[in-house]
C-alpha cells in the first residue's frame, strides 16, 4: 500500500526544515555551510 499523502508530507517536512533554518539565524546558516563544505570535500575526495 502506498500512502497518497506521503509526497505532500515530505514536501511539508522539507519546507519546514528550510523555515527553521531561515528563522535560526547565523548559527543555522553556519551549520548548513559546514555541512555543504563537508559534502563537497567528500565528493572531491571520491572524484580524485
PDB file of N, CA and C in Angstrom:
ATOM      1  N   UNK A   1       0.853  -1.208   0.000  1.00  0.00           N
ATOM      2  CA  UNK A   1       0.000   0.000   0.000  1.00  0.00           C
ATOM      3  C   UNK A   1       0.888   1.257   0.000  1.00  0.00           C
ATOM      4  N   UNK A   2       0.652   2.124  -0.959  1.00  0.00           N
ATOM      5  CA  UNK A   2       1.375   3.395  -0.965  1.00  0.00           C
ATOM      6  C   UNK A   2       0.479   4.474  -0.386  1.00  0.00           C
ATOM      7  N   UNK A   3       1.086   5.369   0.350  1.00  0.00           N
ATOM      8  CA  UNK A   3       0.337   6.442   1.005  1.00  0.00           C
ATOM      9  C   UNK A   3       0.249   7.634   0.043  1.00  0.00           C
ATOM     10  N   UNK A   4      -0.949   8.002  -0.399  1.00  0.00           N
ATOM     11  CA  UNK A   4      -1.072   9.104  -1.365  1.00  0.00           C
ATOM     12  C   UNK A   4      -0.605  10.442  -0.798  1.00  0.00           C
ATOM     13  N   UNK A   5      -0.553  10.553   0.528  1.00  0.00           N
ATOM     14  CA  UNK A   5      -0.156  11.817   1.139  1.00  0.00           C
ATOM     15  C   UNK A   5       1.340  11.859   1.488  1.00  0.00           C
ATOM     16  N   UNK A   6       2.048  10.770   1.221  1.00  0.00           N
ATOM     17  CA  UNK A   6       3.450  10.704   1.626  1.00  0.00           C
ATOM     18  C   UNK A   6       4.264  11.810   0.960  1.00  0.00           C
ATOM     19  N   UNK A   7       4.004  12.033  -0.342  1.00  0.00           N
ATOM     20  CA  UNK A   7       4.804  13.040  -1.052  1.00  0.00           C
ATOM     21  C   UNK A   7       4.552  14.427  -0.474  1.00  0.00           C
ATOM     22  N   UNK A   8       3.286  14.740  -0.202  1.00  0.00           N
ATOM     23  CA  UNK A   8       2.975  16.039   0.384  1.00  0.00           C
ATOM     24  C   UNK A   8       3.646  16.198   1.742  1.00  0.00           C
ATOM     25  N   UNK A   9       3.655  15.117   2.523  1.00  0.00           N
ATOM     26  CA  UNK A   9       4.290  15.192   3.838  1.00  0.00           C
ATOM     27  C   UNK A   9       5.779  15.447   3.691  1.00  0.00           C
ATOM     28  N   UNK A  10       6.430  14.804   2.713  1.00  0.00           N
ATOM     29  CA  UNK A  10       7.858  15.030   2.502  1.00  0.00           C
ATOM     30  C   UNK A  10       8.114  16.491   2.145  1.00  0.00           C
ATOM     31  N   UNK A  11       7.266  17.051   1.277  1.00  0.00           N
ATOM     32  CA  UNK A  11       7.434  18.455   0.889  1.00  0.00           C
ATOM     33  C   UNK A  11       7.240  19.355   2.106  1.00  0.00           C
ATOM     34  N   UNK A  12       6.223  19.072   2.910  1.00  0.00           N
ATOM     35  CA  UNK A  12       5.985  19.872   4.113  1.00  0.00           C
ATOM     36  C   UNK A  12       7.182  19.775   5.054  1.00  0.00           C
ATOM     37  N   UNK A  13       7.725  18.588   5.212  1.00  0.00           N
ATOM     38  CA  UNK A  13       8.863  18.400   6.105  1.00  0.00           C
ATOM     39  C   UNK A  13      10.057  19.211   5.601  1.00  0.00           C
ATOM     40  N   UNK A  14      10.323  19.146   4.293  1.00  0.00           N
ATOM     41  CA  UNK A  14      11.456  19.861   3.723  1.00  0.00           C
ATOM     42  C   UNK A  14      11.284  21.370   3.878  1.00  0.00           C
ATOM     43  N   UNK A  15      10.079  21.874   3.595  1.00  0.00           N
ATOM     44  CA  UNK A  15       9.857  23.313   3.701  1.00  0.00           C
ATOM     45  C   UNK A  15       9.916  23.740   5.172  1.00  0.00           C
ATOM     46  N   UNK A  16       9.442  22.907   6.063  1.00  0.00           N
ATOM     47  CA  UNK A  16       9.535  23.216   7.484  1.00  0.00           C
ATOM     48  C   UNK A  16      10.982  23.281   7.929  1.00  0.00           C
ATOM     49  N   UNK A  17      11.816  22.378   7.396  1.00  0.00           N
ATOM     50  CA  UNK A  17      13.247  22.381   7.699  1.00  0.00           C
ATOM     51  C   UNK A  17      13.886  23.678   7.214  1.00  0.00           C
ATOM     52  N   UNK A  18      13.539  24.083   5.982  1.00  0.00           N
ATOM     53  CA  UNK A  18      14.090  25.329   5.439  1.00  0.00           C
ATOM     54  C   UNK A  18      13.631  26.527   6.260  1.00  0.00           C
ATOM     55  N   UNK A  19      12.362  26.512   6.697  1.00  0.00           N
ATOM     56  CA  UNK A  19      11.856  27.617   7.515  1.00  0.00           C
ATOM     57  C   UNK A  19      12.599  27.686   8.838  1.00  0.00           C
ATOM     58  N   UNK A  20      12.897  26.515   9.406  1.00  0.00           N
ATOM     59  CA  UNK A  20      13.612  26.507  10.680  1.00  0.00           C
ATOM     60  C   UNK A  20      15.002  27.104  10.491  1.00  0.00           C
ATOM     61  N   UNK A  21      15.657  26.763   9.363  1.00  0.00           N
ATOM     62  CA  UNK A  21      16.974  27.338   9.075  1.00  0.00           C
ATOM     63  C   UNK A  21      16.853  28.854   8.915  1.00  0.00           C
ATOM     64  N   UNK A  22      15.826  29.288   8.178  1.00  0.00           N
ATOM     65  CA  UNK A  22      15.648  30.721   7.923  1.00  0.00           C
ATOM     66  C   UNK A  22      15.427  31.470   9.235  1.00  0.00           C
ATOM     67  N   UNK A  23      14.712  30.852  10.179  1.00  0.00           N
ATOM     68  CA  UNK A  23      14.434  31.504  11.461  1.00  0.00           C
ATOM     69  C   UNK A  23      15.573  31.315  12.459  1.00  0.00           C
ATOM     70  N   UNK A  24      16.463  30.353  12.168  1.00  0.00           N
ATOM     71  CA  UNK A  24      17.514  30.017  13.133  1.00  0.00           C
ATOM     72  C   UNK A  24      18.611  31.059  13.208  1.00  0.00           C
ATOM     73  N   UNK A  25      18.714  31.913  12.199  1.00  0.00           N
ATOM     74  CA  UNK A  25      19.722  32.958  12.224  1.00  0.00           C
ATOM     75  C   UNK A  25      21.109  32.436  11.873  1.00  0.00           C
ATOM     76  N   UNK A  26      22.146  33.127  12.343  1.00  0.00           N
ATOM     77  CA  UNK A  26      23.520  32.847  11.923  1.00  0.00           C
ATOM     78  C   UNK A  26      24.005  31.457  12.292  1.00  0.00           C
ATOM     79  N   UNK A  27      23.593  30.931  13.429  1.00  0.00           N
ATOM     80  CA  UNK A  27      24.073  29.615  13.846  1.00  0.00           C
ATOM     81  C   UNK A  27      23.640  28.555  12.842  1.00  0.00           C
ATOM     82  N   UNK A  28      22.355  28.600  12.445  1.00  0.00           N
ATOM     83  CA  UNK A  28      21.845  27.640  11.477  1.00  0.00           C
ATOM     84  C   UNK A  28      22.549  27.807  10.137  1.00  0.00           C
ATOM     85  N   UNK A  29      22.805  29.051   9.739  1.00  0.00           N
ATOM     86  CA  UNK A  29      23.482  29.308   8.466  1.00  0.00           C
ATOM     87  C   UNK A  29      24.875  28.698   8.478  1.00  0.00           C
ATOM     88  N   UNK A  30      25.615  28.908   9.562  1.00  0.00           N
ATOM     89  CA  UNK A  30      26.964  28.351   9.673  1.00  0.00           C
ATOM     90  C   UNK A  30      26.908  26.833   9.612  1.00  0.00           C
ATOM     91  N   UNK A  31      25.937  26.236  10.307  1.00  0.00           N
ATOM     92  CA  UNK A  31      25.809  24.776  10.312  1.00  0.00           C
ATOM     93  C   UNK A  31      25.567  24.260   8.899  1.00  0.00           C
ATOM     94  N   UNK A  32      24.682  24.924   8.163  1.00  0.00           N
ATOM     95  CA  UNK A  32      24.378  24.489   6.793  1.00  0.00           C
ATOM     96  C   UNK A  32      25.606  24.623   5.911  1.00  0.00           C
ATOM     97  N   UNK A  33      26.339  25.716   6.045  1.00  0.00           N
ATOM     98  CA  UNK A  33      27.548  25.917   5.234  1.00  0.00           C
ATOM     99  C   UNK A  33      28.576  24.836   5.540  1.00  0.00           C
ATOM    100  N   UNK A  34      28.744  24.510   6.824  1.00  0.00           N
ATOM    101  CA  UNK A  34      29.710  23.473   7.194  1.00  0.00           C
ATOM    102  C   UNK A  34      29.324  22.131   6.587  1.00  0.00           C
ATOM    103  N   UNK A  35      28.045  21.791   6.656  1.00  0.00           N
ATOM    104  CA  UNK A  35      27.586  20.524   6.068  1.00  0.00           C
ATOM    105  C   UNK A  35      27.832  20.525   4.565  1.00  0.00           C
ATOM    106  N   UNK A  36      27.539  21.644   3.909  1.00  0.00           N
ATOM    107  CA  UNK A  36      27.754  21.737   2.462  1.00  0.00           C
ATOM    108  C   UNK A  36      29.233  21.564   2.130  1.00  0.00           C
ATOM    109  N   UNK A  37      30.109  22.166   2.924  1.00  0.00           N
ATOM    110  CA  UNK A  37      31.545  22.025   2.682  1.00  0.00           C
ATOM    111  C   UNK A  37      31.994  20.588   2.889  1.00  0.00           C
ATOM    112  N   UNK A  38      31.466  19.930   3.927  1.00  0.00           N
ATOM    113  CA  UNK A  38      31.822  18.531   4.164  1.00  0.00           C
ATOM    114  C   UNK A  38      31.416  17.664   2.985  1.00  0.00           C
ATOM    115  N   UNK A  39      30.195  17.861   2.486  1.00  0.00           N
ATOM    116  CA  UNK A  39      29.714  17.077   1.346  1.00  0.00           C
ATOM    117  C   UNK A  39      30.581  17.355   0.122  1.00  0.00           C
ATOM    118  N   UNK A  40      30.907  18.632  -0.112  1.00  0.00           N
ATOM    119  CA  UNK A  40      31.734  18.990  -1.267  1.00  0.00           C
ATOM    120  C   UNK A  40      33.112  18.341  -1.154  1.00  0.00           C
ATOM    121  N   UNK A  41      33.708  18.391   0.027  1.00  0.00           N
ATOM    122  CA  UNK A  41      35.032  17.788   0.226  1.00  0.00           C
ATOM    123  C   UNK A  41      34.974  16.278   0.010  1.00  0.00           C
ATOM    124  N   UNK A  42      33.893  15.655   0.481  1.00  0.00           N
ATOM    125  CA  UNK A  42      33.732  14.217   0.305  1.00  0.00           C
ATOM    126  C   UNK A  42      33.618  13.867  -1.178  1.00  0.00           C
ATOM    127  N   UNK A  43      32.836  14.655  -1.913  1.00  0.00           N
ATOM    128  CA  UNK A  43      32.682  14.410  -3.350  1.00  0.00           C
ATOM    129  C   UNK A  43      34.011  14.595  -4.079  1.00  0.00           C
ATOM    130  N   UNK A  44      34.758  15.637  -3.728  1.00  0.00           N
ATOM    131  CA  UNK A  44      36.068  15.865  -4.356  1.00  0.00           C
ATOM    132  C   UNK A  44      36.978  14.674  -4.064  1.00  0.00           C
ATOM    133  N   UNK A  45      36.927  14.176  -2.834  1.00  0.00           N
ATOM    134  CA  UNK A  45      37.741  13.010  -2.477  1.00  0.00           C
ATOM    135  C   UNK A  45      37.357  11.799  -3.304  1.00  0.00           C
ATOM    136  N   UNK A  46      36.060  11.623  -3.567  1.00  0.00           N
ATOM    137  CA  UNK A  46      35.620  10.487  -4.383  1.00  0.00           C
ATOM    138  C   UNK A  46      36.090  10.623  -5.824  1.00  0.00           C
ATOM    139  N   UNK A  47      36.092  11.855  -6.332  1.00  0.00           N
ATOM    140  CA  UNK A  47      36.395  12.068  -7.744  1.00  0.00           C
ATOM    141  C   UNK A  47      37.891  11.996  -8.030  1.00  0.00           C
ATOM    142  N   UNK A  48      38.722  12.165  -7.009  1.00  0.00           N
ATOM    143  CA  UNK A  48      40.165  12.146  -7.241  1.00  0.00           C
ATOM    144  C   UNK A  48      40.644  10.750  -7.580  1.00  0.00           C
TER     145      UNK A  48
END
